[in-house]
């Protein structure tokens, strides 16, 4: 009898959705009140999760903000710009930067 490979796809999807909600909560809060400090408690409340969940996923407040910065850079296409300017051909660097 062949054994079926066990996958935790649903758990991974739920985990990613929770992570996304937390990142979105930070971004929303930064847009609404950029002049005020953000607490992990506030982020957790806005995301609808426990404070411990934020720490479980991001390990620290600094880890949370690092993840927010990485997410913004990734969604903004910054990694593509870095790849483009790394090309040794100057013409391709310019073309890639424009794209």
Protein backbone atom coordinates (compact mmCIF):
# COMPACT_ATOMS: atom_id res chain seq x y z
CA UNK A 1 0.00 0.00 0.00
CA UNK A 2 1.42 3.37 -1.04
CA UNK A 3 1.59 5.99 1.65
CA UNK A 4 0.01 9.30 0.93
CA UNK A 5 2.19 12.31 1.44
CA UNK A 6 0.81 14.55 4.17
CA UNK A 7 0.66 18.25 3.34
CA UNK A 8 -0.44 21.07 5.55
CA UNK A 9 -1.54 23.29 2.71
CA UNK A 10 -4.55 24.77 4.49
CA UNK A 11 -2.50 25.58 7.58
CA UNK A 12 0.16 27.26 5.44
CA UNK A 13 -2.50 29.30 3.62
CA UNK A 14 -4.07 30.39 6.90
CA UNK A 15 -0.67 31.29 8.31
CA UNK A 16 0.12 33.42 5.24
CA UNK A 17 -3.27 35.16 5.50
CA UNK A 18 -2.58 35.99 9.15
CA UNK A 19 0.87 37.30 8.26
CA UNK A 20 -0.64 39.43 5.49
CA UNK A 21 -3.31 40.85 7.85
CA UNK A 22 -0.62 41.90 10.31
CA UNK A 23 1.52 43.55 7.62
CA UNK A 24 -1.55 45.32 6.22
CA UNK A 25 -2.48 46.54 9.71
CA UNK A 26 0.94 48.17 10.12
CA UNK A 27 0.75 49.81 6.70
CA UNK A 28 -2.79 51.07 7.32
CA UNK A 29 -1.82 52.46 10.71
CA UNK A 30 1.25 54.19 9.24
CA UNK A 31 -0.89 55.87 6.59
CA UNK A 32 -3.52 56.99 9.11
CA UNK A 33 -1.22 58.31 11.85
CA UNK A 34 2.41 58.51 10.69
CA UNK A 35 3.20 60.93 13.52
CA UNK A 36 2.50 58.44 16.35
CA UNK A 37 4.55 55.47 17.52
CA UNK A 38 3.07 52.04 16.78
CA UNK A 39 2.84 49.36 19.43
CA UNK A 40 2.66 45.62 18.88
CA UNK A 41 -0.56 45.62 20.93
CA UNK A 42 -2.14 48.10 18.53
CA UNK A 43 -1.02 46.15 15.46
CA UNK A 44 -2.37 42.91 16.93
CA UNK A 45 -5.72 44.55 17.70
CA UNK A 46 -6.01 46.03 14.20
CA UNK A 47 -5.11 42.68 12.60
CA UNK A 48 -7.51 40.76 14.83
CA UNK A 49 -4.83 38.52 16.34
CA UNK A 50 -3.24 38.04 19.74
CA UNK A 51 -0.07 39.93 20.58
CA UNK A 52 1.69 36.60 20.97
CA UNK A 53 0.82 35.76 17.35
CA UNK A 54 2.69 38.82 16.14
CA UNK A 55 5.74 37.76 18.15
CA UNK A 56 5.40 34.16 17.00
CA UNK A 57 5.47 35.18 13.33
CA UNK A 58 7.94 38.09 13.45
CA UNK A 59 9.89 37.33 16.69
CA UNK A 60 10.18 40.99 17.72
CA UNK A 61 8.93 44.50 17.02
CA UNK A 62 12.05 45.08 14.95
CA UNK A 63 11.37 41.87 13.02
CA UNK A 64 7.86 43.11 12.29
CA UNK A 65 9.13 46.40 10.86
CA UNK A 66 11.84 44.62 8.87
CA UNK A 67 9.11 42.45 7.34
CA UNK A 68 6.99 45.52 6.54
CA UNK A 69 9.95 47.17 4.79
CA UNK A 70 10.77 43.98 2.85
CA UNK A 71 7.13 43.62 1.83
CA UNK A 72 6.92 47.21 0.57
CA UNK A 73 10.14 46.83 -1.41
CA UNK A 74 9.01 43.54 -2.92
CA UNK A 75 5.54 44.75 -3.87
CA UNK A 76 7.04 47.96 -5.24
CA UNK A 77 9.29 46.04 -7.61
CA UNK A 78 12.53 47.22 -6.02
CA UNK A 79 14.14 43.78 -6.42
CA UNK A 80 13.63 44.06 -10.19
CA UNK A 81 15.40 47.42 -10.21
CA UNK A 82 18.33 45.93 -8.30
CA UNK A 83 18.58 43.08 -10.83
CA UNK A 84 18.45 45.55 -13.70
CA UNK A 85 21.24 47.77 -12.39
CA UNK A 86 23.43 44.74 -11.69
CA UNK A 87 23.65 43.96 -15.41
CA UNK A 88 27.19 44.63 -16.67
CA UNK A 89 25.84 46.07 -19.95
CA UNK A 90 25.07 49.77 -19.34
CA UNK A 91 22.36 49.80 -22.02
CA UNK A 92 20.57 46.90 -20.33
CA UNK A 93 20.93 48.63 -16.98
CA UNK A 94 19.16 51.72 -18.33
CA UNK A 95 16.48 49.66 -20.10
CA UNK A 96 15.86 47.55 -17.03
CA UNK A 97 15.68 50.60 -14.80
CA UNK A 98 13.08 52.19 -17.06
CA UNK A 99 11.02 49.00 -17.24
